[in-house]
Amino acid sequence: LSEEAAPLERIAFESTRGGTFDIWTADIDGGNAVNITKGQRWNQAPAWSPDGTRIAFVSNRGTKFSGMFQLYVVDADGLDPPALVTNHAPVHSVSWSPDNSMLAFSVSRCCAENPSDIFIISSDGERLRNLTNTFAENSEPAWSPDGSRIAFVALENGNKDIWVIHADGSNPLNITENPALDASPCWSPDSSRIVFSSDRDGTFDIF
């Protein structure tokens, strides 16, 4: 299911009900299901734009990277073909900025023990910035509701922590700094706190 904001009457989800792995939308009671990616290879990780008009997702439909997942955006009604936002690949996770203008995503880089970085890109694909540019594995970006910061997960030297960085790429800060595995950051609506999962008590719980 999409973790982003969405129209209150619709949900977005992945399904193979049409025979291929596609992005679908449906009413909250499950009715009126619509396939918005229409059977072109493997489509996953839907994320609603905050205004509910578009859905970002990752798909391996492209040919440039031999079927690796790239970032696409499609209108929520699925009437127009999905638009390729970035040729970076493979893309893993996506988060919209609150004003609908930007997307944060993680992408693996080749040949350096497979590290990954957090990028942001305008929803029209015109402006791109690498926010992290490290040799850690950076993933799971989550844009703060006030638009000022992005939380993400960094795995470095076997330690997996929650970090926060300003949307302009400045002031990266490790906010958990714990030998446990911390993951899946999600902001409070007022951007003052972050909830995440961690195994610091022996099993994965919410903190």
C-alpha atoms as a PDB file:
ATOM      1  CA  LEU A   1       0.000   0.000   0.000  1.00  0.00           C
ATOM      2  CA  SER A   2       1.044   3.599  -0.569  1.00  0.00           C
ATOM      3  CA  GLU A   3       2.424   5.267   2.579  1.00  0.00           C
ATOM      4  CA  GLU A   4       1.926   8.774   1.204  1.00  0.00           C
ATOM      5  CA  ALA A   5      -1.140  10.968   1.575  1.00  0.00           C
ATOM      6  CA  ALA A   6      -3.983  10.010  -0.751  1.00  0.00           C
ATOM      7  CA  PRO A   7      -7.558  10.939  -1.603  1.00  0.00           C
ATOM      8  CA  LEU A   8      -9.653   9.747   1.331  1.00  0.00           C
ATOM      9  CA  GLU A   9     -11.873   7.683  -0.951  1.00  0.00           C
ATOM     10  CA  ARG A  10      -9.100   5.753  -2.801  1.00  0.00           C
ATOM     11  CA  ILE A  11      -6.125   3.505  -2.011  1.00  0.00           C
ATOM     12  CA  ALA A  12      -3.168   2.516  -4.208  1.00  0.00           C
ATOM     13  CA  PHE A  13      -1.631  -0.958  -4.063  1.00  0.00           C
ATOM     14  CA  GLU A  14       0.363  -3.591  -5.955  1.00  0.00           C
ATOM     15  CA  SER A  15      -1.481  -6.610  -7.339  1.00  0.00           C
ATOM     16  CA  THR A  16      -1.116  -9.492  -9.800  1.00  0.00           C
ATOM     17  CA  ARG A  17      -4.882  -9.792 -10.228  1.00  0.00           C
ATOM     18  CA  GLY A  18      -4.511  -8.853 -13.899  1.00  0.00           C
ATOM     19  CA  GLY A  19      -1.809 -11.459 -14.523  1.00  0.00           C
ATOM     20  CA  THR A  20       1.190  -9.112 -14.137  1.00  0.00           C
ATOM     21  CA  PHE A  21       2.514  -7.073 -11.201  1.00  0.00           C
ATOM     22  CA  ASP A  22       0.728  -3.725 -11.569  1.00  0.00           C
ATOM     23  CA  ILE A  23      -0.273  -0.644  -9.611  1.00  0.00           C
ATOM     24  CA  TRP A  24      -3.994  -0.464  -8.938  1.00  0.00           C
ATOM     25  CA  THR A  25      -6.284   2.007  -7.213  1.00  0.00           C
ATOM     26  CA  ALA A  26      -9.583   1.178  -5.555  1.00  0.00           C
ATOM     27  CA  ASP A  27     -12.236   2.619  -3.283  1.00  0.00           C
ATOM     28  CA  ILE A  28     -11.546   2.126   0.412  1.00  0.00           C
ATOM     29  CA  ASP A  29     -14.095  -0.717   0.465  1.00  0.00           C
ATOM     30  CA  GLY A  30     -12.217  -2.475  -2.358  1.00  0.00           C
ATOM     31  CA  GLY A  31     -14.665  -1.580  -5.116  1.00  0.00           C
ATOM     32  CA  ASN A  32     -14.049   0.129  -8.463  1.00  0.00           C
ATOM     33  CA  ALA A  33     -10.515  -1.224  -8.870  1.00  0.00           C
ATOM     34  CA  VAL A  34      -8.550   0.351 -11.723  1.00  0.00           C
ATOM     35  CA  ASN A  35      -5.258  -0.917 -13.186  1.00  0.00           C
ATOM     36  CA  ILE A  36      -3.213   2.219 -13.837  1.00  0.00           C
ATOM     37  CA  THR A  37      -0.029   0.566 -15.173  1.00  0.00           C
ATOM     38  CA  LYS A  38      -1.724  -1.912 -17.505  1.00  0.00           C
ATOM     39  CA  GLY A  39       0.538  -4.904 -17.656  1.00  0.00           C
ATOM     40  CA  GLN A  40       3.923  -3.535 -18.685  1.00  0.00           C
ATOM     41  CA  ARG A  41       6.394  -5.694 -16.766  1.00  0.00           C
ATOM     42  CA  TRP A  42       6.816  -5.323 -12.958  1.00  0.00           C
ATOM     43  CA  ASN A  43       5.444  -2.214 -11.192  1.00  0.00           C
ATOM     44  CA  GLN A  44       5.660  -1.621  -7.431  1.00  0.00           C
ATOM     45  CA  ALA A  45       6.003   0.803  -4.475  1.00  0.00           C
ATOM     46  CA  PRO A  46       3.157   3.256  -5.245  1.00  0.00           C
ATOM     47  CA  ALA A  47       3.323   6.668  -3.534  1.00  0.00           C
ATOM     48  CA  TRP A  48       0.482   9.201  -3.842  1.00  0.00           C
ATOM     49  CA  SER A  49       1.309  12.825  -4.450  1.00  0.00           C
ATOM     50  CA  PRO A  50       0.050  14.877  -1.479  1.00  0.00           C
ATOM     51  CA  ASP A  51      -2.639  16.503  -3.638  1.00  0.00           C
ATOM     52  CA  GLY A  52      -3.917  13.076  -4.706  1.00  0.00           C
ATOM     53  CA  THR A  53      -3.605  13.712  -8.456  1.00  0.00           C
ATOM     54  CA  ARG A  54      -0.557  11.562  -9.274  1.00  0.00           C
ATOM     55  CA  ILE A  55       1.115   8.330  -8.200  1.00  0.00           C
ATOM     56  CA  ALA A  56       4.860   7.699  -8.300  1.00  0.00           C
ATOM     57  CA  PHE A  57       6.079   4.127  -8.584  1.00  0.00           C
ATOM     58  CA  VAL A  58       9.075   2.085  -9.676  1.00  0.00           C
ATOM     59  CA  SER A  59       9.028  -0.187 -12.721  1.00  0.00           C
ATOM     60  CA  ASN A  60      11.414  -2.332 -14.747  1.00  0.00           C
ATOM     61  CA  ARG A  61       9.577  -1.593 -18.002  1.00  0.00           C
ATOM     62  CA  GLY A  62      12.467   0.470 -19.393  1.00  0.00           C
ATOM     63  CA  THR A  63      15.220  -0.975 -21.588  1.00  0.00           C
ATOM     64  CA  LYS A  64      18.116   1.400 -20.843  1.00  0.00           C
ATOM     65  CA  PHE A  65      19.192  -0.446 -17.685  1.00  0.00           C
ATOM     66  CA  SER A  66      18.341  -4.005 -18.767  1.00  0.00           C
ATOM     67  CA  GLY A  67      15.127  -4.190 -16.791  1.00  0.00           C
ATOM     68  CA  MET A  68      16.277  -2.531 -13.553  1.00  0.00           C
ATOM     69  CA  PHE A  69      13.691  -0.464 -11.673  1.00  0.00           C
ATOM     70  CA  GLN A  70      13.366   3.209 -12.613  1.00  0.00           C
ATOM     71  CA  LEU A  71      11.108   5.985 -11.318  1.00  0.00           C
ATOM     72  CA  TYR A  72       7.816   6.800 -13.059  1.00  0.00           C
ATOM     73  CA  VAL A  73       4.836   9.060 -12.360  1.00  0.00           C
ATOM     74  CA  VAL A  74       1.310   8.506 -13.652  1.00  0.00           C
ATOM     75  CA  ASP A  75      -1.926  10.464 -13.276  1.00  0.00           C
ATOM     76  CA  ALA A  76      -4.116   8.870 -10.615  1.00  0.00           C
ATOM     77  CA  ASP A  77      -6.818   8.060 -13.183  1.00  0.00           C
ATOM     78  CA  GLY A  78      -4.322   6.062 -15.247  1.00  0.00           C
ATOM     79  CA  LEU A  79      -5.612   7.501 -18.523  1.00  0.00           C
ATOM     80  CA  ASP A  80      -2.222   8.743 -19.727  1.00  0.00           C
ATOM     81  CA  PRO A  81       0.895   6.547 -20.053  1.00  0.00           C
ATOM     82  CA  PRO A  82       3.299   6.732 -17.080  1.00  0.00           C
ATOM     83  CA  ALA A  83       6.056   9.319 -17.524  1.00  0.00           C
ATOM     84  CA  LEU A  84       9.688   8.358 -16.833  1.00  0.00           C
ATOM     85  CA  VAL A  85      11.050  10.771 -14.220  1.00  0.00           C
ATOM     86  CA  THR A  86      14.658   9.595 -13.979  1.00  0.00           C
ATOM     87  CA  ASN A  87      16.930   7.199 -15.849  1.00  0.00           C
ATOM     88  CA  HIS A  88      18.786   6.409 -12.616  1.00  0.00           C
ATOM     89  CA  ALA A  89      18.447   2.743 -11.696  1.00  0.00           C
ATOM     90  CA  PRO A  90      17.801   0.697  -9.731  1.00  0.00           C
ATOM     91  CA  VAL A  91      15.405   2.894  -7.748  1.00  0.00           C
ATOM     92  CA  HIS A  92      14.131   1.400  -4.487  1.00  0.00           C
ATOM     93  CA  SER A  93      11.837   3.744  -2.557  1.00  0.00           C
ATOM     94  CA  VAL A  94      10.030   7.006  -3.218  1.00  0.00           C
ATOM     95  CA  SER A  95       8.691   9.916  -1.136  1.00  0.00           C
ATOM     96  CA  TRP A  96       6.940  13.101  -2.339  1.00  0.00           C
ATOM     97  CA  SER A  97       7.667  16.600  -1.054  1.00  0.00           C
ATOM     98  CA  PRO A  98       4.614  18.165   0.642  1.00  0.00           C
ATOM     99  CA  ASP A  99       4.173  20.707  -2.172  1.00  0.00           C
ATOM    100  CA  ASN A 100       4.030  17.954  -4.859  1.00  0.00           C
ATOM    101  CA  SER A 101       6.996  19.454  -6.729  1.00  0.00           C
ATOM    102  CA  MET A 102       9.822  17.043  -5.792  1.00  0.00           C
ATOM    103  CA  LEU A 103      10.462  13.348  -5.229  1.00  0.00           C
ATOM    104  CA  ALA A 104      13.065  11.764  -2.955  1.00  0.00           C
ATOM    105  CA  PHE A 105      14.306   8.291  -3.856  1.00  0.00           C
ATOM    106  CA  SER A 106      17.175   5.906  -3.209  1.00  0.00           C
ATOM    107  CA  VAL A 107      19.263   4.404  -5.988  1.00  0.00           C
ATOM    108  CA  SER A 108      22.105   1.887  -5.905  1.00  0.00           C
ATOM    109  CA  ARG A 109      25.445   2.736  -7.446  1.00  0.00           C
ATOM    110  CA  CYS A 110      27.563   0.125  -9.152  1.00  0.00           C
ATOM    111  CA  CYS A 111      30.814  -1.448  -8.094  1.00  0.00           C
ATOM    112  CA  ALA A 112      31.611  -0.031  -4.626  1.00  0.00           C
ATOM    113  CA  GLU A 113      30.150  -2.853  -2.538  1.00  0.00           C
ATOM    114  CA  ASN A 114      26.747  -1.753  -3.858  1.00  0.00           C
ATOM    115  CA  PRO A 115      26.245   1.440  -1.845  1.00  0.00           C
ATOM    116  CA  SER A 116      23.123   3.506  -2.419  1.00  0.00           C
ATOM    117  CA  ASP A 117      22.383   7.222  -2.199  1.00  0.00           C
ATOM    118  CA  ILE A 118      19.385   9.465  -1.624  1.00  0.00           C
ATOM    119  CA  PHE A 119      18.498  11.741  -4.528  1.00  0.00           C
ATOM    120  CA  ILE A 120      15.789  14.349  -4.978  1.00  0.00           C
ATOM    121  CA  ILE A 121      14.346  15.242  -8.360  1.00  0.00           C
ATOM    122  CA  SER A 122      11.626  17.582  -9.572  1.00  0.00           C
ATOM    123  CA  SER A 123       8.454  15.746 -10.565  1.00  0.00           C
ATOM    124  CA  ASP A 124       9.020  16.809 -14.176  1.00  0.00           C
ATOM    125  CA  GLY A 125      12.510  15.255 -14.107  1.00  0.00           C
ATOM    126  CA  GLU A 126      14.293  18.543 -14.819  1.00  0.00           C
ATOM    127  CA  ARG A 127      16.208  19.103 -11.546  1.00  0.00           C
ATOM    128  CA  LEU A 128      18.251  16.403  -9.813  1.00  0.00           C
ATOM    129  CA  ARG A 129      20.387  16.524  -6.646  1.00  0.00           C
ATOM    130  CA  ASN A 130      22.357  13.827  -4.830  1.00  0.00           C
ATOM    131  CA  LEU A 131      21.723  14.476  -1.131  1.00  0.00           C
ATOM    132  CA  THR A 132      23.992  11.904   0.484  1.00  0.00           C
ATOM    133  CA  ASN A 133      26.866  11.006  -1.898  1.00  0.00           C
ATOM    134  CA  THR A 134      28.588   8.653   0.551  1.00  0.00           C
ATOM    135  CA  PHE A 135      29.794   5.064   0.451  1.00  0.00           C
ATOM    136  CA  ALA A 136      27.153   3.999   2.978  1.00  0.00           C
ATOM    137  CA  GLU A 137      23.941   2.266   1.973  1.00  0.00           C
ATOM    138  CA  ASN A 138      21.333   5.051   2.183  1.00  0.00           C
ATOM    139  CA  SER A 139      17.681   4.195   1.650  1.00  0.00           C
ATOM    140  CA  GLU A 140      14.035   4.677   2.723  1.00  0.00           C
ATOM    141  CA  PRO A 141      13.742   8.473   2.356  1.00  0.00           C
ATOM    142  CA  ALA A 142      10.792  10.111   4.124  1.00  0.00           C
ATOM    143  CA  TRP A 143      10.065  13.803   3.491  1.00  0.00           C
ATOM    144  CA  SER A 144       9.015  15.841   6.539  1.00  0.00           C
ATOM    145  CA  PRO A 145       5.506  17.347   6.354  1.00  0.00           C
ATOM    146  CA  ASP A 146       6.936  20.867   6.650  1.00  0.00           C
ATOM    147  CA  GLY A 147       9.149  20.191   3.611  1.00  0.00           C
ATOM    148  CA  SER A 148      12.400  21.178   5.298  1.00  0.00           C
ATOM    149  CA  ARG A 149      14.073  17.802   5.947  1.00  0.00           C
ATOM    150  CA  ILE A 150      14.307  14.222   4.767  1.00  0.00           C
ATOM    151  CA  ALA A 151      14.733  11.260   7.108  1.00  0.00           C
ATOM    152  CA  PHE A 152      16.465   8.157   5.760  1.00  0.00           C
ATOM    153  CA  VAL A 153      18.191   4.940   6.780  1.00  0.00           C
ATOM    154  CA  ALA A 154      21.985   4.632   6.528  1.00  0.00           C
ATOM    155  CA  LEU A 155      23.830   1.325   6.834  1.00  0.00           C
ATOM    156  CA  GLU A 156      27.545   1.821   7.444  1.00  0.00           C
ATOM    157  CA  ASN A 157      30.075  -0.505   9.096  1.00  0.00           C
ATOM    158  CA  GLY A 158      27.257  -2.885   9.969  1.00  0.00           C
ATOM    159  CA  ASN A 159      25.324  -0.217  11.876  1.00  0.00           C
ATOM    160  CA  LYS A 160      21.866   0.765  10.566  1.00  0.00           C
ATOM    161  CA  ASP A 161      20.643   4.142  11.852  1.00  0.00           C
ATOM    162  CA  ILE A 162      18.056   6.810  11.157  1.00  0.00           C
ATOM    163  CA  TRP A 163      19.512  10.022   9.788  1.00  0.00           C
ATOM    164  CA  VAL A 164      17.959  13.394   8.966  1.00  0.00           C
ATOM    165  CA  ILE A 165      19.243  15.796   6.320  1.00  0.00           C
ATOM    166  CA  HIS A 166      17.995  19.198   5.184  1.00  0.00           C
ATOM    167  CA  ALA A 167      16.252  19.187   1.821  1.00  0.00           C
ATOM    168  CA  ASP A 168      19.111  21.248   0.376  1.00  0.00           C
ATOM    169  CA  GLY A 169      21.597  18.510   1.341  1.00  0.00           C
ATOM    170  CA  SER A 170      23.057  20.294   4.366  1.00  0.00           C
ATOM    171  CA  ASN A 171      23.378  19.269   8.024  1.00  0.00           C
ATOM    172  CA  PRO A 172      23.172  15.457   7.901  1.00  0.00           C
ATOM    173  CA  LEU A 173      22.532  14.175  11.427  1.00  0.00           C
ATOM    174  CA  ASN A 174      22.471  10.660  12.886  1.00  0.00           C
ATOM    175  CA  ILE A 175      19.504  10.774  15.258  1.00  0.00           C
ATOM    176  CA  THR A 176      19.513   7.176  16.551  1.00  0.00           C
ATOM    177  CA  GLU A 177      23.210   6.152  16.729  1.00  0.00           C
ATOM    178  CA  ASN A 178      22.526   2.713  18.133  1.00  0.00           C
ATOM    179  CA  PRO A 179      24.132  -0.674  17.366  1.00  0.00           C
ATOM    180  CA  ALA A 180      20.665  -2.079  16.668  1.00  0.00           C
ATOM    181  CA  LEU A 181      19.015  -2.140  13.241  1.00  0.00           C
ATOM    182  CA  ASP A 182      16.835   0.972  12.918  1.00  0.00           C
ATOM    183  CA  ALA A 183      14.608   1.371   9.850  1.00  0.00           C
ATOM    184  CA  SER A 184      11.368   2.659   8.286  1.00  0.00           C
ATOM    185  CA  PRO A 185      11.302   6.299   9.493  1.00  0.00           C
ATOM    186  CA  CYS A 186       7.964   8.121   9.428  1.00  0.00           C
ATOM    187  CA  TRP A 187       7.337  11.736  10.518  1.00  0.00           C
ATOM    188  CA  SER A 188       4.723  13.072  12.891  1.00  0.00           C
ATOM    189  CA  PRO A 189       2.302  15.502  11.183  1.00  0.00           C
ATOM    190  CA  ASP A 190       3.979  18.515  12.838  1.00  0.00           C
ATOM    191  CA  SER A 191       7.498  17.378  11.746  1.00  0.00           C
ATOM    192  CA  SER A 192       8.718  17.347  15.351  1.00  0.00           C
ATOM    193  CA  ARG A 193       9.149  13.600  15.893  1.00  0.00           C
ATOM    194  CA  ILE A 194       9.987  10.434  13.958  1.00  0.00           C
ATOM    195  CA  VAL A 195       8.633   6.941  14.501  1.00  0.00           C
ATOM    196  CA  PHE A 196      10.760   3.991  13.327  1.00  0.00           C
ATOM    197  CA  SER A 197      11.231   0.259  13.761  1.00  0.00           C
ATOM    198  CA  SER A 198      14.172  -1.255  15.651  1.00  0.00           C
ATOM    199  CA  ASP A 199      15.345  -4.576  17.075  1.00  0.00           C
ATOM    200  CA  ARG A 200      17.169  -2.944  20.001  1.00  0.00           C
ATOM    201  CA  ASP A 201      15.035  -4.908  22.483  1.00  0.00           C
ATOM    202  CA  GLY A 202      15.662  -8.227  20.756  1.00  0.00           C
ATOM    203  CA  THR A 203      12.629  -8.159  18.444  1.00  0.00           C
ATOM    204  CA  PHE A 204      11.502  -5.534  15.966  1.00  0.00           C
ATOM    205  CA  ASP A 205       9.269  -2.979  17.685  1.00  0.00           C
ATOM    206  CA  ILE A 206       8.077   0.582  17.069  1.00  0.00           C
ATOM    207  CA  PHE A 207      10.008   3.434  18.714  1.00  0.00           C
END
